[in-house]
Amino acid sequence: MSEVPERVLYEREAGLALITLNRPDRLNALSGPVMDQLLAYVQAAADDRSVRAVLLRGAGRAFCAGGDMKSGSGNREELAQMTPEDRTAQLRRRMEAANLMHAMPKPTVSALRGAVMGAGVGLGLSADFRIASTTLNINTAFTALGFSGDYGGAYFLTRLAGVSAARELMMRSRKVGADEALKLGLVTRLVADEELDEAALNLARELAAGPGVAFQHMKRALNAAADGASCAQVLDLEAAAMVRTAETADHKEAVRAFVDKRKPDFSGR
């Protein structure tokens, strides 16, 4: 009997965590077990201090086609025994993967190709850097299913594309191709499909080799600014962060490298 392949893969290399949705035959659709495994791996990457950057990607020709409409989010008999409150708590726990990608104090990258639909939209857009293939096809798809949306789609679409565009993309389920996604700010960079894996991996490796403590504080200030913090509040964050990063080994290494006229070798400390 052949072994069942892992639904989500977790790999490590030199400070980088690579998380791969691994159901290419189902366009990496999210079943209940997949959501649980994905959350566990994203949480592990967030908690592991030796991980300095995270890359999230999908196996095959699509990033994620959203929820698995065939298998659903769990055993139907089990779900039937759960109260609405229990089901809400279960879904919210699983959706934490998107919040972790957005909020963890280290850079995150997503590699987006082909179908990015439903829950895959929020999940894919939750990363700090979103490298996309020219085959990209974004569609929230919730309206056609009578669903309201999950995995932070409403938050990340509003944050990246603005209020009007987010309403159209959520409520009309309009498809967005690669060029428009770049124009709207949904993706950071477009590359040819055959270049996507290498481009995303190279960026993730670059970030993993960067000044980890400085990135942590940069991300905190950037998220605060994007989420409506006042100028004074961001200045407070920046002042404390500058004092903290001045004490890091990475800053001292950067000064030595500047004097020696060489590239700094950051340790993330």
Protein backbone atom coordinates (compact mmCIF):
# COMPACT_ATOMS: atom_id res chain seq x y z
CA MET A 1 0.00 0.00 0.00
CA SER A 2 1.41 3.40 -0.97
CA GLU A 3 1.85 6.02 1.72
CA VAL A 4 -0.48 9.02 1.78
CA PRO A 5 1.62 12.14 0.99
CA GLU A 6 1.86 14.90 3.55
CA ARG A 7 -0.84 17.52 2.92
CA VAL A 8 1.49 20.30 4.05
CA LEU A 9 5.29 20.17 3.94
CA TYR A 10 7.65 21.90 6.38
CA GLU A 11 11.33 22.31 5.54
CA ARG A 12 14.19 24.28 7.04
CA GLU A 13 17.33 25.76 5.58
CA ALA A 14 19.71 28.34 7.05
CA GLY A 15 17.19 30.37 9.04
CA LEU A 16 14.41 29.95 6.50
CA ALA A 17 11.20 27.97 7.00
CA LEU A 18 9.55 26.71 3.81
CA ILE A 19 5.87 25.76 4.11
CA THR A 20 4.26 24.10 1.09
CA LEU A 21 0.59 23.31 0.57
CA ASN A 22 0.90 19.84 -0.96
CA ARG A 23 -2.37 18.82 -2.60
CA PRO A 24 -1.62 19.66 -6.24
CA ASP A 25 -4.34 17.29 -7.46
CA ARG A 26 -6.90 19.42 -5.55
CA LEU A 27 -5.23 22.79 -6.38
CA ASN A 28 -4.15 22.84 -2.71
CA ALA A 29 -7.72 23.25 -1.46
CA LEU A 30 -8.03 23.59 2.31
CA SER A 31 -9.72 20.71 4.09
CA GLY A 32 -9.99 20.59 7.88
CA PRO A 33 -6.81 18.50 8.32
CA VAL A 34 -4.91 20.75 5.91
CA MET A 35 -5.95 23.87 7.84
CA ASP A 36 -4.88 22.28 11.13
CA GLN A 37 -1.52 21.18 9.76
CA LEU A 38 -0.90 24.53 8.09
CA LEU A 39 -1.62 26.40 11.33
CA ALA A 40 0.71 24.10 13.27
CA TYR A 41 3.57 24.74 10.84
CA VAL A 42 3.06 28.51 10.64
CA GLN A 43 2.92 28.63 14.44
CA ALA A 44 6.11 26.55 14.65
CA ALA A 45 7.89 28.94 12.29
CA ALA A 46 6.67 31.95 14.27
CA ASP A 47 7.81 30.45 17.59
CA ASP A 48 11.20 29.13 16.43
CA ARG A 49 13.76 31.85 17.16
CA SER A 50 16.20 30.28 14.70
CA VAL A 51 13.71 30.91 11.87
CA ARG A 52 14.37 34.37 10.45
CA ALA A 53 12.01 34.33 7.43
CA VAL A 54 9.10 32.23 6.15
CA LEU A 55 8.14 31.24 2.61
CA LEU A 56 4.60 29.96 1.95
CA ARG A 57 3.90 28.31 -1.41
CA GLY A 58 1.71 25.76 -3.15
CA ALA A 59 2.74 22.62 -5.00
CA GLY A 60 1.76 22.27 -8.63
CA ARG A 61 -0.02 24.79 -10.84
CA ALA A 62 -1.97 26.72 -8.18
CA PHE A 63 -1.31 28.37 -4.84
CA CYS A 64 -4.67 27.57 -3.24
CA ALA A 65 -8.18 27.18 -4.68
CA GLY A 66 -9.82 27.99 -1.34
CA GLY A 67 -11.83 25.65 0.84
CA ASP A 68 -12.23 22.02 -0.18
CA MET A 69 -15.86 21.90 -1.26
CA LYS A 70 -15.80 18.09 -1.56
CA SER A 71 -14.43 17.15 1.85
CA GLY A 72 -15.48 20.32 3.67
CA SER A 73 -13.80 21.53 6.84
CA GLY A 74 -14.25 18.33 8.80
CA ASN A 75 -16.23 15.19 9.48
CA ARG A 76 -19.89 15.98 8.79
CA GLU A 77 -21.14 13.87 11.69
CA GLU A 78 -18.70 15.56 14.04
CA LEU A 79 -19.67 19.01 12.78
CA ALA A 80 -23.34 18.18 13.25
CA GLN A 81 -22.68 17.65 16.95
CA MET A 82 -20.94 21.01 17.35
CA THR A 83 -22.72 24.20 18.36
CA PRO A 84 -22.40 27.28 16.13
CA GLU A 85 -20.15 28.75 18.81
CA ASP A 86 -17.87 25.70 18.69
CA ARG A 87 -17.68 25.79 14.90
CA THR A 88 -16.93 29.52 15.03
CA ALA A 89 -14.11 28.93 17.52
CA GLN A 90 -12.69 26.11 15.39
CA LEU A 91 -12.68 28.21 12.21
CA ARG A 92 -11.21 31.23 13.97
CA ARG A 93 -8.41 29.08 15.37
CA ARG A 94 -7.61 27.71 11.92
CA MET A 95 -7.67 31.18 10.34
CA GLU A 96 -4.94 32.28 12.77
CA ALA A 97 -2.43 31.08 10.15
CA ALA A 98 -3.14 34.24 8.12
CA ASN A 99 -2.76 36.50 11.14
CA LEU A 100 0.54 34.84 12.06
CA MET A 101 1.92 35.34 8.56
CA HIS A 102 0.95 39.00 8.82
CA ALA A 103 1.96 39.72 12.41
CA MET A 104 4.87 37.40 13.28
CA PRO A 105 8.03 39.45 14.02
CA LYS A 106 9.94 38.18 10.98
CA PRO A 107 9.58 38.68 7.21
CA THR A 108 7.15 36.45 5.33
CA VAL A 109 6.93 35.72 1.60
CA SER A 110 4.23 34.01 -0.45
CA ALA A 111 4.72 32.54 -3.93
CA LEU A 112 1.46 32.91 -5.87
CA ARG A 113 0.69 31.15 -9.13
CA GLY A 114 -2.46 30.06 -10.90
CA ALA A 115 -5.65 29.92 -8.86
CA VAL A 116 -5.70 32.01 -5.67
CA MET A 117 -9.32 31.71 -4.62
CA GLY A 118 -11.58 31.94 -1.58
CA ALA A 119 -9.60 31.38 1.61
CA GLY A 120 -6.47 31.29 -0.54
CA VAL A 121 -6.84 35.02 -1.21
CA GLY A 122 -6.49 36.09 2.42
CA LEU A 123 -3.82 33.46 3.06
CA GLY A 124 -1.75 34.47 0.05
CA LEU A 125 -2.08 38.22 0.67
CA SER A 126 -1.15 37.90 4.36
CA ALA A 127 2.59 37.77 3.59
CA ASP A 128 4.83 40.83 3.68
CA PHE A 129 6.10 40.10 0.18
CA ARG A 130 3.89 38.50 -2.46
CA ILE A 131 5.77 37.27 -5.51
CA ALA A 132 3.40 36.23 -8.28
CA SER A 133 3.53 34.30 -11.52
CA THR A 134 2.04 35.77 -14.68
CA THR A 135 -0.45 32.87 -14.49
CA LEU A 136 -2.01 34.39 -11.36
CA ASN A 137 -5.80 34.37 -11.17
CA ILE A 138 -7.31 35.89 -8.02
CA ASN A 139 -11.01 35.42 -7.29
CA THR A 140 -12.57 35.63 -3.84
CA ALA A 141 -15.45 33.45 -5.16
CA PHE A 142 -17.42 33.76 -1.92
CA THR A 143 -20.49 35.42 -3.44
CA ALA A 144 -21.06 32.56 -5.88
CA LEU A 145 -21.08 30.15 -2.93
CA GLY A 146 -23.24 32.29 -0.65
CA PHE A 147 -20.37 32.66 1.80
CA SER A 148 -19.22 35.86 3.47
CA GLY A 149 -15.44 35.28 3.38
CA ASP A 150 -12.64 34.13 5.67
CA TYR A 151 -8.87 34.01 6.24
CA GLY A 152 -8.70 37.82 6.36
CA GLY A 153 -9.71 38.44 2.76
CA ALA A 154 -11.68 41.55 3.69
CA TYR A 155 -8.79 42.87 5.80
CA PHE A 156 -5.93 42.27 3.37
CA LEU A 157 -7.85 43.38 0.26
CA THR A 158 -8.85 46.63 1.99
CA ARG A 159 -5.34 47.14 3.34
CA LEU A 160 -3.59 46.54 0.02
CA ALA A 161 -6.07 47.65 -2.67
CA GLY A 162 -8.22 50.16 -0.80
CA VAL A 163 -11.84 50.34 0.27
CA SER A 164 -13.56 50.55 -3.12
CA ALA A 165 -11.55 47.80 -4.80
CA ALA A 166 -11.95 45.50 -1.80
CA ARG A 167 -15.73 45.84 -1.88
CA GLU A 168 -15.86 45.06 -5.58
CA LEU A 169 -13.54 42.06 -5.31
CA MET A 170 -15.36 40.62 -2.31
CA MET A 171 -18.99 41.32 -3.24
CA ARG A 172 -18.82 40.84 -7.00
CA SER A 173 -16.20 38.07 -6.96
CA ARG A 174 -14.53 39.68 -9.94
CA LYS A 175 -11.50 37.85 -11.30
CA VAL A 176 -8.19 39.68 -11.17
CA GLY A 177 -5.29 38.66 -13.40
CA ALA A 178 -1.60 39.14 -12.75
CA ASP A 179 -1.19 42.61 -14.30
CA GLU A 180 -4.18 44.07 -12.47
CA ALA A 181 -3.10 42.47 -9.20
CA LEU A 182 0.24 44.26 -9.51
CA LYS A 183 -1.48 47.55 -10.38
CA LEU A 184 -3.80 47.24 -7.35
CA GLY A 185 -0.88 46.51 -5.03
CA LEU A 186 -2.07 42.99 -4.23
CA VAL A 187 1.28 41.55 -5.27
CA THR A 188 4.79 42.88 -4.82
CA ARG A 189 6.36 41.64 -8.02
CA LEU A 190 5.44 39.66 -11.15
CA VAL A 191 7.74 37.10 -12.76
CA ALA A 192 7.40 34.53 -15.52
CA ASP A 193 5.83 31.31 -14.26
CA GLU A 194 9.02 29.32 -14.73
CA GLU A 195 10.90 31.87 -12.62
CA LEU A 196 8.47 32.05 -9.68
CA ASP A 197 9.94 29.34 -7.44
CA GLU A 198 13.48 30.65 -7.74
CA ALA A 199 12.47 34.31 -7.36
CA ALA A 200 10.43 33.68 -4.21
CA LEU A 201 13.10 31.44 -2.71
CA ASN A 202 15.88 33.92 -3.43
CA LEU A 203 13.92 36.74 -1.79
CA ALA A 204 13.12 34.59 1.25
CA ARG A 205 16.80 33.62 1.56
CA GLU A 206 17.83 37.28 1.31
CA LEU A 207 15.44 38.21 4.13
CA ALA A 208 16.54 35.24 6.26
CA ALA A 209 20.12 36.51 6.00
CA GLY A 210 19.13 40.02 7.08
CA PRO A 211 19.19 41.82 10.46
CA GLY A 212 16.45 39.89 12.24
CA VAL A 213 15.91 42.19 15.22
CA ALA A 214 15.75 45.25 12.96
CA PHE A 215 13.23 43.49 10.71
CA GLN A 216 11.12 42.65 13.77
CA HIS A 217 10.86 46.32 14.75
CA MET A 218 10.43 47.53 11.15
CA LYS A 219 7.50 45.19 10.71
CA ARG A 220 5.89 46.31 13.96
CA ALA A 221 6.11 50.00 12.94
CA LEU A 222 4.96 49.34 9.37
CA ASN A 223 1.95 47.31 10.51
CA ALA A 224 1.04 49.94 13.08
CA ALA A 225 1.22 52.69 10.45
CA ALA A 226 -0.89 50.71 7.97
CA ASP A 227 -3.47 49.91 10.64
CA GLY A 228 -4.08 53.55 11.55
CA ALA A 229 -1.53 54.46 14.20
CA SER A 230 -0.88 58.17 14.51
CA CYS A 231 2.41 59.72 13.46
CA ALA A 232 3.27 60.23 17.13
CA GLN A 233 2.59 56.57 17.92
CA VAL A 234 4.83 55.41 15.07
CA LEU A 235 7.54 57.83 16.20
CA ASP A 236 7.35 56.30 19.68
CA LEU A 237 7.81 52.82 18.21
CA GLU A 238 10.69 53.99 16.03
CA ALA A 239 12.51 55.73 18.87
CA ALA A 240 12.42 52.66 21.11
CA ALA A 241 13.37 50.41 18.20
CA MET A 242 16.38 52.51 17.21
CA VAL A 243 17.72 52.37 20.76
CA ARG A 244 17.14 48.60 20.87
CA THR A 245 18.70 47.86 17.48
CA ALA A 246 21.74 50.02 18.30
CA GLU A 247 22.58 47.37 20.91
CA THR A 248 22.35 44.38 18.56
CA ALA A 249 25.20 42.27 17.29
CA ASP A 250 23.89 42.91 13.77
CA HIS A 251 24.30 46.67 14.10
CA LYS A 252 27.85 46.28 15.41
CA GLU A 253 28.64 43.89 12.55
CA ALA A 254 27.19 46.41 10.08
CA VAL A 255 29.49 49.14 11.44
CA ARG A 256 32.52 46.85 11.14
CA ALA A 257 31.51 45.88 7.61
CA PHE A 258 31.12 49.55 6.64
CA VAL A 259 34.63 50.34 7.90
CA ASP A 260 36.04 47.24 6.18
CA LYS A 261 34.13 48.03 2.97
CA ARG A 262 32.49 44.60 2.81
CA LYS A 263 29.00 43.13 2.98
CA PRO A 264 27.81 42.53 6.57
CA ASP A 265 27.32 38.98 7.80
CA PHE A 266 24.23 39.27 9.96
CA SER A 267 23.46 36.71 12.66
CA GLY A 268 19.90 37.85 13.40
CA ARG A 269 20.85 38.87 16.94
